[in-house]
Protein backbone atom coordinates (compact mmCIF):
# COMPACT_ATOMS: atom_id res chain seq x y z
CA UNK A 1 169.56 37.11 175.81
CA UNK A 2 171.62 39.85 174.12
CA UNK A 3 170.10 42.64 172.10
CA UNK A 4 170.93 42.99 168.42
CA UNK A 5 173.76 45.36 167.34
CA UNK A 6 171.37 48.15 166.32
CA UNK A 7 169.99 48.38 169.82
CA UNK A 8 166.44 48.09 168.47
CA UNK A 9 164.16 45.48 170.06
CA UNK A 10 163.54 42.33 168.03
CA UNK A 11 160.90 39.64 168.01
CA UNK A 12 163.40 37.44 169.89
CA UNK A 13 163.43 40.00 172.75
CA UNK A 14 159.65 39.84 172.91
CA UNK A 15 159.71 36.02 172.82
CA UNK A 16 162.16 35.96 175.73
CA UNK A 17 160.06 38.35 177.81
CA UNK A 18 156.81 36.51 176.98
CA UNK A 19 158.24 33.02 177.50
CA UNK A 20 157.21 31.84 174.03
CA UNK A 21 158.96 30.98 170.76
CA UNK A 22 159.88 33.62 168.17
CA UNK A 23 157.50 32.09 165.56
CA UNK A 24 154.68 32.44 168.11
CA UNK A 25 155.52 36.14 168.44
CA UNK A 26 155.42 36.55 164.65
CA UNK A 27 152.06 34.81 164.40
CA UNK A 28 150.61 36.81 167.28
CA UNK A 29 151.67 40.15 165.80
CA UNK A 30 150.08 39.12 162.48
CA UNK A 31 146.80 38.57 164.32
CA UNK A 32 146.88 34.80 163.74
CA UNK A 33 143.90 33.37 165.64
CA UNK A 34 145.79 30.11 166.18
CA UNK A 35 147.55 31.99 169.00
CA UNK A 36 145.33 32.23 172.09
CA UNK A 37 143.83 35.61 172.90
CA UNK A 38 145.64 35.80 176.26
CA UNK A 39 149.02 35.03 174.69
CA UNK A 40 148.41 37.44 171.84
CA UNK A 41 147.49 40.25 174.22
CA UNK A 42 150.55 39.57 176.40
CA UNK A 43 152.83 39.69 173.35
CA UNK A 44 151.18 42.88 172.04
CA UNK A 45 151.61 44.55 175.44
CA UNK A 46 155.32 43.69 175.55
CA UNK A 47 155.74 44.91 171.97
CA UNK A 48 154.19 48.26 172.91
CA UNK A 49 156.37 48.49 176.02
CA UNK A 50 159.51 47.93 173.93
CA UNK A 51 158.29 50.25 171.14
CA UNK A 52 158.67 47.34 168.74
CA UNK A 53 157.51 47.71 165.14
CA UNK A 54 157.39 44.99 162.53
CA UNK A 55 160.09 45.22 159.86
CA UNK A 56 157.82 44.73 156.86
CA UNK A 57 160.67 44.69 154.35
CA UNK A 58 162.42 41.84 156.12
CA UNK A 59 159.15 39.98 156.57
CA UNK A 60 158.30 40.38 152.90
CA UNK A 61 161.70 39.13 151.79
CA UNK A 62 161.34 36.01 153.91
CA UNK A 63 157.80 35.26 152.77
CA UNK A 64 157.98 36.64 149.21
CA UNK A 65 154.87 38.64 150.03
CA UNK A 66 154.01 42.30 149.87
CA UNK A 67 151.88 42.21 153.06
CA UNK A 68 149.42 44.32 151.07
CA UNK A 69 145.80 43.65 150.13
CA UNK A 70 144.04 45.40 147.23
CA UNK A 71 140.40 46.42 147.73
CA UNK A 72 138.71 46.96 144.37
CA UNK A 73 135.33 48.66 144.06
CA UNK A 74 133.13 48.14 141.03
CA UNK A 75 132.04 51.51 139.67
CA UNK A 76 128.38 52.20 140.40
CA UNK A 77 126.06 54.98 139.31
CA UNK A 78 125.58 57.34 142.26
CA UNK A 79 124.02 60.75 142.82
CA UNK A 80 127.43 62.15 143.82
CA UNK A 81 130.89 61.78 142.27
CA UNK A 82 132.01 58.84 144.43
CA UNK A 83 130.85 56.15 141.96
CA UNK A 84 130.69 53.83 144.99
CA UNK A 85 127.47 52.34 146.37
CA UNK A 86 127.01 53.85 149.87
CA UNK A 87 126.62 50.35 151.31
CA UNK A 88 130.16 49.48 150.20
CA UNK A 89 131.47 52.78 151.53
CA UNK A 90 130.18 51.73 154.95
CA UNK A 91 132.08 48.43 154.60
CA UNK A 92 135.36 50.25 153.90
CA UNK A 93 135.98 51.12 157.55
CA UNK A 94 135.45 47.49 158.59
CA UNK A 95 137.94 46.18 156.03
CA UNK A 96 140.50 48.89 156.86
CA UNK A 97 140.27 48.01 160.55
CA UNK A 98 140.62 44.28 159.84
CA UNK A 99 143.76 44.90 157.75
CA UNK A 100 145.27 47.15 160.44
CA UNK A 101 144.67 44.46 163.08
CA UNK A 102 146.65 42.02 160.94
CA UNK A 103 149.48 44.43 160.14
CA UNK A 104 148.51 44.57 156.45
CA UNK A 105 148.53 47.58 154.13
CA UNK A 106 145.48 48.29 152.00
CA UNK A 107 145.37 49.59 148.43
CA UNK A 108 142.02 50.92 147.19
CA UNK A 109 141.00 51.32 143.56
CA UNK A 110 138.23 50.68 141.05
CA UNK A 111 137.59 47.60 138.95
CA UNK A 112 136.27 48.43 135.50
CA UNK A 113 134.92 45.57 133.43
CA UNK A 114 136.89 46.62 130.36
CA UNK A 115 140.25 46.79 132.18
CA UNK A 116 142.62 44.02 133.28
CA UNK A 117 142.59 45.47 136.78
CA UNK A 118 143.91 42.30 138.43
CA UNK A 119 147.23 42.48 136.55
CA UNK A 120 148.10 45.73 138.35
CA UNK A 121 148.06 44.04 141.72
CA UNK A 122 148.79 40.37 142.29
CA UNK A 123 150.48 39.75 138.94
CA UNK A 124 152.86 42.65 139.56
CA UNK A 125 153.31 41.65 143.24
CA UNK A 126 151.80 44.93 144.46
CA UNK A 127 149.28 42.92 146.47
CA UNK A 128 149.06 39.39 147.81
CA UNK A 129 145.33 39.14 147.19
CA UNK A 130 142.20 41.00 146.13
CA UNK A 131 138.93 41.89 147.83
CA UNK A 132 136.20 42.56 145.25
CA UNK A 133 133.15 44.65 146.16
CA UNK A 134 130.28 44.97 143.68
CA UNK A 135 130.03 43.56 140.19
CA UNK A 136 126.97 44.89 138.32
CA UNK A 137 125.45 42.16 136.15
CA UNK A 138 126.83 38.91 137.58
CA UNK A 139 126.31 36.98 134.33
CA UNK A 140 128.84 39.31 132.69
CA UNK A 141 131.17 39.16 135.69
CA UNK A 142 131.45 35.35 135.79
CA UNK A 143 133.97 35.26 132.92
CA UNK A 144 136.33 37.61 134.77
CA UNK A 145 136.11 35.48 137.92
CA UNK A 146 136.91 32.38 135.87
CA UNK A 147 140.02 34.17 134.60
CA UNK A 148 141.12 34.97 138.14
CA UNK A 149 140.69 31.33 139.18
CA UNK A 150 142.58 30.15 136.07
CA UNK A 151 145.48 32.47 136.92
CA UNK A 152 145.56 31.25 140.54
CA UNK A 153 144.80 34.75 141.78
CA UNK A 154 143.99 34.94 145.47
CA UNK A 155 140.70 36.77 145.82
CA UNK A 156 137.51 36.94 147.82
CA UNK A 157 134.37 38.79 146.83
CA UNK A 158 131.30 40.02 148.66
CA UNK A 159 128.18 38.53 147.10
CA UNK A 160 125.60 35.78 147.06
CA UNK A 161 126.94 32.59 148.67
CA UNK A 162 125.91 29.56 146.65
CA UNK A 163 127.21 26.05 145.97
CA UNK A 164 128.29 27.01 142.45
CA UNK A 165 130.25 30.16 143.40
CA UNK A 166 133.39 30.89 141.40
CA UNK A 167 136.19 31.43 143.89
CA UNK A 168 135.83 32.37 147.55
CA UNK A 169 132.69 34.32 148.45
CA UNK A 170 131.53 35.99 151.67
CA UNK A 171 128.08 37.49 151.99
CA UNK A 172 124.93 37.93 154.02
CA UNK A 173 122.26 35.28 154.38
CA UNK A 174 120.09 36.98 151.78
CA UNK A 175 117.46 34.24 151.74
CA UNK A 176 117.12 34.34 155.52
CA UNK A 177 116.97 38.14 155.45
CA UNK A 178 114.24 38.12 152.81
CA UNK A 179 112.28 35.67 154.92
CA UNK A 180 112.68 37.96 157.96
CA UNK A 181 111.30 40.89 155.96
CA UNK A 182 108.34 38.83 154.80
CA UNK A 183 107.57 37.51 158.27
CA UNK A 184 107.72 41.02 159.72
CA UNK A 185 105.26 42.38 157.15
CA UNK A 186 102.94 39.36 157.42
CA UNK A 187 102.97 39.83 161.21
CA UNK A 188 101.59 43.33 160.55
CA UNK A 189 98.79 41.73 158.50
CA UNK A 190 100.35 42.84 155.18
CA UNK A 191 100.00 40.05 152.66
CA UNK A 192 99.94 41.80 149.28
CA UNK A 193 103.68 42.38 149.34
CA UNK A 194 105.42 43.78 146.27
CA UNK A 195 109.13 43.24 145.63
CA UNK A 196 111.26 45.86 143.86
CA UNK A 197 114.56 44.51 142.55
CA UNK A 198 115.98 42.55 139.64
CA UNK A 199 115.39 39.09 141.11
CA UNK A 200 117.19 36.95 138.53
CA UNK A 201 120.61 35.41 137.91
CA UNK A 202 122.05 38.77 136.89
CA UNK A 203 121.59 39.93 140.49
CA UNK A 204 121.70 36.74 142.60
CA UNK A 205 121.64 38.60 145.95
CA UNK A 206 118.34 40.24 144.96
CA UNK A 207 117.05 36.87 143.73
CA UNK A 208 117.85 35.27 147.09
CA UNK A 209 116.07 38.09 148.97
CA UNK A 210 112.98 37.62 146.81
CA UNK A 211 113.10 33.84 147.30
CA UNK A 212 113.17 34.38 151.08
CA UNK A 213 110.13 36.67 150.84
CA UNK A 214 108.27 34.07 148.78
CA UNK A 215 109.09 31.40 151.36
CA UNK A 216 107.63 33.57 154.13
CA UNK A 217 104.46 34.14 152.11
CA UNK A 218 104.02 30.44 151.30
CA UNK A 219 104.58 29.50 154.95
CA UNK A 220 101.72 31.87 155.80
CA UNK A 221 99.47 30.26 153.19
CA UNK A 222 99.82 33.14 150.72
CA UNK A 223 100.79 32.45 147.11
CA UNK A 224 103.33 35.05 145.84
CA UNK A 225 101.84 37.24 143.13
CA UNK A 226 104.24 37.60 140.16
CA UNK A 227 102.42 40.79 139.16
CA UNK A 228 103.85 42.42 142.31
CA UNK A 229 107.46 41.80 141.20
CA UNK A 230 109.00 44.83 139.48
CA UNK A 231 112.60 45.03 138.33
CA UNK A 232 114.95 47.67 139.73
CA UNK A 233 118.72 47.89 139.92
CA UNK A 234 120.52 49.82 142.66
CA UNK A 235 119.69 53.52 142.35
CA UNK A 236 116.98 55.78 143.76
CA UNK A 237 115.78 56.54 140.23
CA UNK A 238 115.35 52.80 139.57
CA UNK A 239 113.34 52.51 142.78
CA UNK A 240 111.15 55.46 141.84
CA UNK A 241 110.49 54.03 138.36
CA UNK A 242 109.72 50.55 139.70
CA UNK A 243 107.34 51.88 142.35
CA UNK A 244 105.60 54.08 139.79
CA UNK A 245 105.19 51.07 137.48
CA UNK A 246 103.72 49.13 140.42
CA UNK A 247 101.25 51.94 141.18
CA UNK A 248 100.32 52.40 137.52
CA UNK A 249 99.68 48.65 137.10
CA UNK A 250 96.62 48.91 139.33
CA UNK A 251 97.54 45.66 141.12
CA UNK A 252 96.55 46.01 144.81
CA UNK A 253 99.45 46.03 147.30
CA UNK A 254 99.77 46.87 150.99
CA UNK A 255 103.54 46.59 151.42
CA UNK A 256 106.80 46.82 149.48
CA UNK A 257 110.04 44.97 150.16
CA UNK A 258 112.81 46.75 148.23
CA UNK A 259 116.03 44.88 147.45
CA UNK A 260 118.15 47.81 148.69
CA UNK A 261 117.73 50.99 150.71
CA UNK A 262 118.42 53.12 147.65
CA UNK A 263 115.56 51.39 145.80
CA UNK A 264 113.35 51.84 148.89
CA UNK A 265 114.16 55.55 149.13
CA UNK A 266 113.22 56.05 145.49
CA UNK A 267 110.05 54.05 146.08
CA UNK A 268 109.12 56.20 149.08
CA UNK A 269 109.32 59.33 146.93
CA UNK A 270 107.11 57.70 144.29
CA UNK A 271 104.54 56.66 146.90
CA UNK A 272 104.48 60.16 148.36
CA UNK A 273 104.03 61.72 144.93
CA UNK A 274 101.09 59.38 144.30
CA UNK A 275 99.45 60.28 147.61
CA UNK A 276 100.06 56.84 149.12
CA UNK A 277 100.88 57.18 152.82
CA UNK A 278 103.73 55.15 154.35
CA UNK A 279 103.02 53.02 156.32
CA UNK A 280 99.23 53.49 156.61
CA UNK A 281 98.51 52.67 152.96
CA UNK A 282 101.67 50.70 152.21
CA UNK A 283 104.43 49.55 154.56
CA UNK A 284 107.99 49.76 153.22
CA UNK A 285 111.12 47.70 153.99
CA UNK A 286 114.61 48.26 152.56
CA UNK A 287 117.91 46.43 152.78
CA UNK A 288 121.44 47.55 153.89
CA UNK A 289 120.74 50.16 156.59
CA UNK A 290 122.74 52.90 154.89
CA UNK A 291 122.94 56.17 156.89
CA UNK A 292 120.13 57.79 154.88
CA UNK A 293 117.67 55.04 155.91
CA UNK A 294 117.19 56.35 159.44
CA UNK A 295 116.85 59.93 158.19
CA UNK A 296 113.91 59.36 155.86
CA UNK A 297 110.42 60.59 156.68
CA UNK A 298 109.23 58.20 157.94
CA UNK A 299 112.49 56.42 158.94
CA UNK A 300 113.00 53.24 156.95
CA UNK A 301 112.64 49.72 158.32
CA UNK A 302 115.50 47.73 156.83
CA UNK A 303 117.81 44.72 157.08
CA UNK A 304 121.23 45.58 158.50
CA UNK A 305 124.18 43.58 157.24
CA UNK A 306 127.02 42.77 159.67
CA UNK A 307 129.65 45.29 158.57
CA UNK A 308 132.18 44.67 161.34
CA UNK A 309 131.91 40.92 160.90
CA UNK A 310 132.19 41.32 157.12
CA UNK A 311 135.63 42.95 157.27
CA UNK A 312 137.06 40.27 159.54
CA UNK A 313 135.51 37.40 157.59
CA UNK A 314 136.66 38.73 154.21
CA UNK A 315 140.23 38.95 155.55
CA UNK A 316 139.99 35.52 157.21
CA UNK A 317 138.93 33.88 153.95
CA UNK A 318 141.46 35.79 151.82
CA UNK A 319 144.45 35.15 154.10
CA UNK A 320 143.49 31.47 154.27
CA UNK A 321 143.60 31.37 150.47
CA UNK A 322 146.98 33.13 150.41
CA UNK A 323 148.30 30.60 152.96
CA UNK A 324 147.16 27.74 150.72
CA UNK A 325 144.22 26.69 152.88
CA UNK A 326 141.08 26.07 150.89
CA UNK A 327 137.89 27.70 152.06
CA UNK A 328 134.28 27.66 150.95
CA UNK A 329 131.55 30.27 151.04
CA UNK A 330 130.80 31.98 154.34
CA UNK A 331 127.58 33.72 155.34
CA UNK A 332 126.70 36.32 157.95
CA UNK A 333 123.18 36.84 159.35
CA UNK A 334 121.33 40.10 158.71
CA UNK A 335 119.41 41.92 161.45
CA UNK A 336 115.95 43.43 161.04
CA UNK A 337 115.88 47.10 162.09
CA UNK A 338 112.26 48.09 162.69
CA UNK A 339 111.37 51.75 162.13
CA UNK A 340 108.28 53.82 161.37
CA UNK A 341 107.99 52.91 157.66
CA UNK A 342 106.31 49.66 158.70
CA UNK A 343 104.93 50.33 162.18
CA UNK A 344 104.00 54.01 162.14
CA UNK A 345 105.86 54.55 165.41
CA UNK A 346 109.40 54.12 166.78
CA UNK A 347 110.22 50.53 167.73
CA UNK A 348 113.43 49.04 169.14
CA UNK A 349 115.33 46.85 166.67
CA UNK A 350 114.90 43.08 166.75
């Protein structure tokens, strides 16, 4: 087969060398999982040998796509100037890697509730689809999601996966994770378990975590005590205030399950200030496994969400939507990371 007039290798050259069709080469270099792993690796090796690079302009003209994804963070109150929840910062690397593996560019920006942020991306053809991370009060966010669906915007969000989700949603099994936390604490003979987090429809992920805890308690023959539920949003100061309210209430407790690590870290400071030893007087479990969790004194037992899997799954669901293939909600399991805040000594993760 002859080379093209420019002398640069083409996808047809790779197809000839690999013994496959040119469309198979294109799919393989896009990371399409319909192409077998062995074939994809053989094609990628030949492409590297020939110093082949994808002509994104030509590809975009043929497909009428930008080959770009927009990742939009919801602004969150933080102790630094990032305005990004540290959990979502840890997810950024996973999403960036997943885009790179598919040959996609990634735009990163903020979504502010008062702005029409979606019009800057898909409507203006700057991006083929949106990944949404964070949303604050979900009851206020629902209207914006309805608008995106009504405008046929391709998007996927990280959140609570339920039957009534608006649009495509990927998230952790929050109910199962909450049950894991409860079973771990009950196994340590802690049965007066407080929950810190706004466990209602405004924060459905927190609500699912609390529901999982309640299920674990009921399965152990313990009726959940509503007096041990204290609202908290996503900051350390919220966690401190909720833990202080719990302490001041006088209601006996021997453990706390916090809806996020930031809430748990604030709670740990409040417990320390009140002279309550962790874990001897009260065991403490968080959620997210942010970097600070392992550096606390004592290190924080927590639920780790599957960050690497999250990036791939978010891109799988979004690209399926862009390709016109419907997809429902998808969940990833969370893993319990056991540390000294519940056991009093170092333990390998389970």
